[in-house]
Amino acid sequence: MSNTLEQQAAKMTIGSDKFKLIMPPKFNTLEEQRSYEKQRLAAGFRVFAMYGFDEGLAGHITLRDCIEPDTFWVNPVGMHFAHIKASDLIRVCHKGNIIEGSTPINNAAFAIHSRIHMARPDVNAVAHAHTRYGRAFSALGELLKPISQDACVFYENHSVFDVFSGVVADSEEGDMIAKSLADNCAVILQNHGLLTAGSSVDAAVANFVLLDSCCQSQLLAQAAGEPKLISHEVALHTKQANGSELVTWGNFQPMYQVVAAKDNSFLD
């Protein structure tokens, strides 16, 4: 990656001269990049399974294809996240045609994710699921408050989509969700669940895990009393540090290590 990312990494570590820093990889070919990124997407589903982010047919993570960017990879409908391998992934174009694979995909996955990928060229991955705390918090119809260092990652960096008309079935509502997301990294879908977007699967998944955890923390804090808020200036400064491209990518690496050590069949 760029020297900027390497400089960021050096600032966050002590004794980095003794150890090789974990950094986003470089690729010699686009085919090599595609293979790697598909494996990261499959790993993302294993992480979702590890955290219990699986509810029947609901939930999906998508990855923009690096060779044909007007297409994206998504999970086959009906396959448990804990079993998904890179070879199981389905590639679909923005018109809804299956390009690679023979298994059907979730219609809501296409309706939501295709419109976000089209609206946000900077976004390469989108994660969405109906989690326990995400559902509970989404019912409040409000933004996360800056009550912790972790919550500051989403300070002025997420929105609330306050329309619920049932299961998302068409691209028109997908356009509305993409508009609500705007240039943020996350959106709370009222009475529905959570959605995050990132420049990589690593970032989108890591931020999803963090967002769900922050929803849980705020629910607990509000149940106990009135939370003390972090000031606007400090919240912005903390977001700039902890919400950077390198940090969000890095947050996924320990999760990846856990699922890979347990069962790395997702690489197939």
Protein backbone atom coordinates (compact mmCIF):
# COMPACT_ATOMS: atom_id res chain seq x y z
CA MET A 1 0.00 0.00 0.00
CA SER A 2 1.02 3.66 0.05
CA ASN A 3 3.63 5.16 2.35
CA THR A 4 0.77 6.97 4.02
CA LEU A 5 -0.66 3.70 5.32
CA GLU A 6 2.76 2.50 6.39
CA GLN A 7 3.33 5.75 8.26
CA GLN A 8 -0.06 5.37 9.95
CA ALA A 9 0.87 1.85 11.02
CA ALA A 10 4.21 2.99 12.43
CA LYS A 11 2.46 5.64 14.54
CA MET A 12 0.15 3.03 16.06
CA THR A 13 2.85 0.59 17.13
CA ILE A 14 5.85 0.48 19.41
CA GLY A 15 8.91 -1.53 18.44
CA SER A 16 7.67 -1.93 14.87
CA ASP A 17 11.27 -2.14 13.69
CA LYS A 18 11.52 -5.62 15.22
CA PHE A 19 8.41 -7.09 13.64
CA LYS A 20 6.88 -7.10 10.20
CA LEU A 21 3.77 -4.95 10.31
CA ILE A 22 0.52 -6.51 9.13
CA MET A 23 -0.42 -4.46 6.07
CA PRO A 24 -2.96 -4.81 3.24
CA PRO A 25 -1.43 -6.99 0.52
CA LYS A 26 -0.18 -6.03 -2.93
CA PHE A 27 -1.00 -8.09 -6.03
CA ASN A 28 0.87 -8.88 -9.22
CA THR A 29 -2.28 -9.55 -11.25
CA LEU A 30 -5.99 -8.83 -11.04
CA GLU A 31 -6.66 -12.56 -11.10
CA GLU A 32 -4.52 -12.94 -7.99
CA GLN A 33 -6.42 -10.08 -6.34
CA ARG A 34 -9.79 -11.61 -7.24
CA SER A 35 -8.86 -14.97 -5.72
CA TYR A 36 -7.61 -13.35 -2.52
CA GLU A 37 -10.65 -11.09 -2.14
CA LYS A 38 -13.09 -13.96 -2.68
CA GLN A 39 -11.36 -15.81 0.14
CA ARG A 40 -11.70 -12.76 2.37
CA LEU A 41 -15.40 -12.59 1.54
CA ALA A 42 -15.85 -16.26 2.45
CA ALA A 43 -13.94 -15.58 5.66
CA GLY A 44 -16.29 -12.67 6.35
CA PHE A 45 -19.22 -15.08 6.40
CA ARG A 46 -17.35 -17.35 8.82
CA VAL A 47 -16.85 -14.32 11.09
CA PHE A 48 -20.57 -13.54 10.89
CA ALA A 49 -21.30 -17.14 11.87
CA MET A 50 -18.84 -16.91 14.76
CA TYR A 51 -20.71 -13.89 16.14
CA GLY A 52 -24.14 -15.45 15.57
CA PHE A 53 -25.10 -13.04 12.80
CA ASP A 54 -27.14 -15.68 10.99
CA GLU A 55 -30.93 -15.68 10.90
CA GLY A 56 -32.36 -18.17 8.42
CA LEU A 57 -32.16 -16.75 4.90
CA ALA A 58 -31.43 -13.20 6.06
CA GLY A 59 -28.06 -11.47 5.88
CA HIS A 60 -25.56 -10.94 3.11
CA ILE A 61 -22.11 -9.54 2.37
CA THR A 62 -21.11 -8.46 -1.10
CA LEU A 63 -17.79 -7.73 -2.80
CA ARG A 64 -17.25 -5.68 -5.94
CA ASP A 65 -15.33 -7.71 -8.51
CA CYS A 66 -11.92 -6.17 -9.18
CA ILE A 67 -11.85 -7.27 -12.84
CA GLU A 68 -15.42 -6.45 -13.83
CA PRO A 69 -16.43 -3.74 -11.32
CA ASP A 70 -20.02 -3.56 -12.53
CA THR A 71 -20.49 -7.03 -11.02
CA PHE A 72 -20.23 -8.25 -7.45
CA TRP A 73 -19.89 -11.47 -5.45
CA VAL A 74 -22.52 -12.56 -2.94
CA ASN A 75 -23.46 -15.60 -0.88
CA PRO A 76 -25.81 -18.27 -2.28
CA VAL A 77 -29.21 -18.15 -0.62
CA GLY A 78 -29.93 -20.87 1.93
CA MET A 79 -26.32 -21.79 2.76
CA HIS A 80 -25.27 -21.30 6.38
CA PHE A 81 -22.51 -18.74 6.78
CA ALA A 82 -20.35 -21.26 8.65
CA HIS A 83 -20.20 -23.49 5.54
CA ILE A 84 -19.53 -20.94 2.79
CA LYS A 85 -16.34 -21.39 0.75
CA ALA A 86 -14.83 -19.08 -1.85
CA SER A 87 -15.93 -21.52 -4.55
CA ASP A 88 -19.57 -21.22 -3.40
CA LEU A 89 -19.81 -17.49 -4.08
CA ILE A 90 -22.06 -16.18 -6.83
CA ARG A 91 -21.20 -13.28 -9.14
CA VAL A 92 -24.07 -11.10 -10.34
CA CYS A 93 -24.23 -7.95 -12.46
CA HIS A 94 -26.07 -4.76 -11.54
CA LYS A 95 -28.94 -5.82 -13.79
CA GLY A 96 -29.52 -8.96 -11.74
CA ASN A 97 -28.05 -11.52 -14.14
CA ILE A 98 -25.98 -14.36 -12.68
CA ILE A 99 -22.51 -14.22 -14.27
CA GLU A 100 -20.81 -17.02 -12.33
CA GLY A 101 -22.43 -19.77 -10.30
CA SER A 102 -25.70 -21.63 -10.54
CA THR A 103 -27.26 -21.12 -7.10
CA PRO A 104 -30.01 -18.51 -6.59
CA ILE A 105 -29.26 -15.44 -4.48
CA ASN A 106 -31.38 -13.51 -2.00
CA ASN A 107 -33.51 -10.96 -3.87
CA ALA A 108 -33.14 -8.43 -1.05
CA ALA A 109 -29.36 -8.81 -1.28
CA PHE A 110 -29.49 -7.77 -4.92
CA ALA A 111 -32.02 -4.97 -4.39
CA ILE A 112 -30.00 -3.34 -1.61
CA HIS A 113 -26.38 -4.09 -2.45
CA SER A 114 -26.51 -3.49 -6.20
CA ARG A 115 -27.77 0.04 -5.68
CA ILE A 116 -25.13 0.85 -3.08
CA HIS A 117 -22.36 -0.52 -5.30
CA MET A 118 -23.69 1.61 -8.15
CA ALA A 119 -24.03 4.77 -6.05
CA ARG A 120 -20.69 4.45 -4.23
CA PRO A 121 -17.71 3.69 -6.53
CA ASP A 122 -15.46 3.95 -3.47
CA VAL A 123 -17.30 1.09 -1.76
CA ASN A 124 -16.07 -2.40 -2.58
CA ALA A 125 -17.93 -4.33 0.12
CA VAL A 126 -21.30 -4.07 1.85
CA ALA A 127 -22.39 -6.08 4.90
CA HIS A 128 -25.93 -6.48 6.23
CA ALA A 129 -27.59 -8.77 8.76
CA HIS A 130 -30.49 -8.92 11.20
CA THR A 131 -28.62 -9.18 14.49
CA ARG A 132 -30.18 -9.30 17.94
CA TYR A 133 -28.81 -5.96 19.12
CA GLY A 134 -29.02 -4.38 15.68
CA ARG A 135 -32.72 -5.16 15.48
CA ALA A 136 -33.35 -3.90 19.00
CA PHE A 137 -31.47 -0.65 18.50
CA SER A 138 -32.95 -0.05 15.04
CA ALA A 139 -36.42 -0.04 16.61
CA LEU A 140 -35.48 3.20 18.40
CA GLY A 141 -35.06 5.02 15.11
CA GLU A 142 -32.10 7.03 16.37
CA LEU A 143 -28.39 7.47 15.80
CA LEU A 144 -25.67 6.02 17.98
CA LYS A 145 -24.42 8.46 20.57
CA PRO A 146 -20.71 9.13 21.17
CA ILE A 147 -20.59 7.33 24.51
CA SER A 148 -17.33 5.42 23.98
CA GLN A 149 -14.13 5.41 21.97
CA ASP A 150 -15.57 2.68 19.73
CA ALA A 151 -18.85 4.50 19.16
CA CYS A 152 -16.89 7.53 17.94
CA VAL A 153 -15.95 5.55 14.81
CA PHE A 154 -19.55 6.12 13.69
CA TYR A 155 -19.83 9.74 14.89
CA GLU A 156 -21.16 11.78 11.97
CA ASN A 157 -20.35 8.69 9.93
CA HIS A 158 -23.69 6.88 9.89
CA SER A 159 -27.37 7.57 9.29
CA VAL A 160 -30.84 6.21 9.99
CA PHE A 161 -33.04 4.97 7.16
CA ASP A 162 -36.46 5.60 8.70
CA VAL A 163 -38.65 3.82 6.17
CA PHE A 164 -39.84 0.26 6.68
CA SER A 165 -42.29 -1.21 4.19
CA GLY A 166 -41.57 -4.90 4.65
CA VAL A 167 -38.97 -7.10 3.01
CA VAL A 168 -36.91 -5.12 0.49
CA ALA A 169 -38.01 -6.50 -2.85
CA ASP A 170 -37.13 -3.90 -5.48
CA SER A 171 -34.27 -1.65 -6.46
CA GLU A 172 -36.27 1.52 -5.77
CA GLU A 173 -35.98 0.96 -2.03
CA GLY A 174 -32.34 -0.02 -2.56
CA ASP A 175 -31.82 3.43 -4.10
CA MET A 176 -33.44 5.01 -1.04
CA ILE A 177 -31.12 3.09 1.29
CA ALA A 178 -28.09 4.09 -0.78
CA LYS A 179 -29.19 7.73 -0.59
CA SER A 180 -29.60 7.46 3.17
CA LEU A 181 -26.16 5.87 3.53
CA ALA A 182 -24.73 8.83 1.56
CA ASP A 183 -20.94 8.96 2.04
CA ASN A 184 -21.02 7.35 5.49
CA CYS A 185 -19.71 3.93 6.50
CA ALA A 186 -22.95 2.67 8.04
CA VAL A 187 -26.70 3.03 8.12
CA ILE A 188 -29.21 1.84 10.71
CA LEU A 189 -32.25 0.43 8.92
CA GLN A 190 -35.15 1.29 11.21
CA ASN A 191 -37.14 -1.77 12.39
CA HIS A 192 -34.83 -3.90 10.26
CA GLY A 193 -31.12 -4.17 11.09
CA LEU A 194 -27.67 -2.79 10.36
CA LEU A 195 -25.62 -2.18 7.22
CA THR A 196 -21.98 -1.18 6.78
CA ALA A 197 -19.88 -0.36 3.74
CA GLY A 198 -16.13 -0.27 3.20
CA SER A 199 -13.28 -0.20 0.74
CA SER A 200 -12.64 -3.87 1.53
CA VAL A 201 -14.47 -6.87 2.95
CA ASP A 202 -12.17 -6.61 5.94
CA ALA A 203 -13.29 -3.06 6.72
CA ALA A 204 -17.00 -3.62 6.07
CA VAL A 205 -17.16 -6.75 8.23
CA ALA A 206 -15.03 -5.32 11.05
CA ASN A 207 -17.18 -2.20 11.18
CA PHE A 208 -20.33 -4.31 11.18
CA VAL A 209 -19.11 -6.28 14.20
CA LEU A 210 -18.20 -3.02 15.93
CA LEU A 211 -21.49 -1.35 15.07
CA ASP A 212 -23.50 -4.24 16.50
CA SER A 213 -21.40 -4.15 19.67
CA CYS A 214 -21.90 -0.39 20.01
CA CYS A 215 -25.65 -0.86 19.66
CA GLN A 216 -25.53 -3.34 22.53
CA SER A 217 -23.44 -0.97 24.66
CA GLN A 218 -25.82 1.95 24.16
CA LEU A 219 -28.85 -0.20 24.95
CA LEU A 220 -27.16 -1.28 28.20
CA ALA A 221 -26.08 2.25 29.10
CA GLN A 222 -29.53 3.75 28.43
CA ALA A 223 -31.17 1.01 30.47
CA ALA A 224 -28.96 1.93 33.42
CA GLY A 225 -29.31 5.71 33.19
CA GLU A 226 -28.41 8.74 31.09
CA PRO A 227 -25.07 8.19 29.30
CA LYS A 228 -22.39 10.88 29.47
CA LEU A 229 -21.49 11.96 25.95
CA ILE A 230 -18.04 12.58 24.50
CA SER A 231 -17.67 16.15 23.23
CA HIS A 232 -18.06 16.96 19.54
CA GLU A 233 -14.39 17.88 19.07
CA VAL A 234 -13.04 14.79 20.85
CA ALA A 235 -15.52 12.51 19.06
CA LEU A 236 -14.40 13.85 15.67
CA HIS A 237 -10.71 13.48 16.56
CA THR A 238 -11.30 9.91 17.76
CA LYS A 239 -13.19 9.03 14.57
CA GLN A 240 -10.33 10.30 12.44
CA ALA A 241 -7.91 8.04 14.31
CA ASN A 242 -10.00 4.89 14.83
CA GLY A 243 -12.11 5.12 11.68
CA SER A 244 -9.20 5.36 9.26
CA GLU A 245 -8.82 2.99 6.33
CA LEU A 246 -5.90 1.19 7.93
CA VAL A 247 -7.52 0.74 11.34
CA THR A 248 -10.80 -0.57 9.96
CA TRP A 249 -8.87 -3.03 7.78
CA GLY A 250 -6.68 -4.00 10.71
CA ASN A 251 -9.61 -4.67 13.02
CA PHE A 252 -10.59 -7.62 10.84
CA GLN A 253 -7.24 -9.36 11.03
CA PRO A 254 -7.60 -10.91 14.53
CA MET A 255 -11.08 -12.16 13.55
CA TYR A 256 -9.64 -13.71 10.40
CA GLN A 257 -6.93 -15.43 12.42
CA VAL A 258 -9.54 -17.03 14.67
CA VAL A 259 -11.75 -18.43 11.89
CA ALA A 260 -8.72 -19.55 9.85
CA ALA A 261 -7.25 -21.43 12.82
CA LYS A 262 -10.58 -23.11 13.52
CA ASP A 263 -11.42 -24.16 9.96
CA ASN A 264 -9.82 -22.71 6.84
CA SER A 265 -12.00 -24.61 4.39
CA PHE A 266 -13.40 -21.25 3.31
CA LEU A 267 -10.23 -20.84 1.22
CA ASP A 268 -11.36 -23.60 -1.19
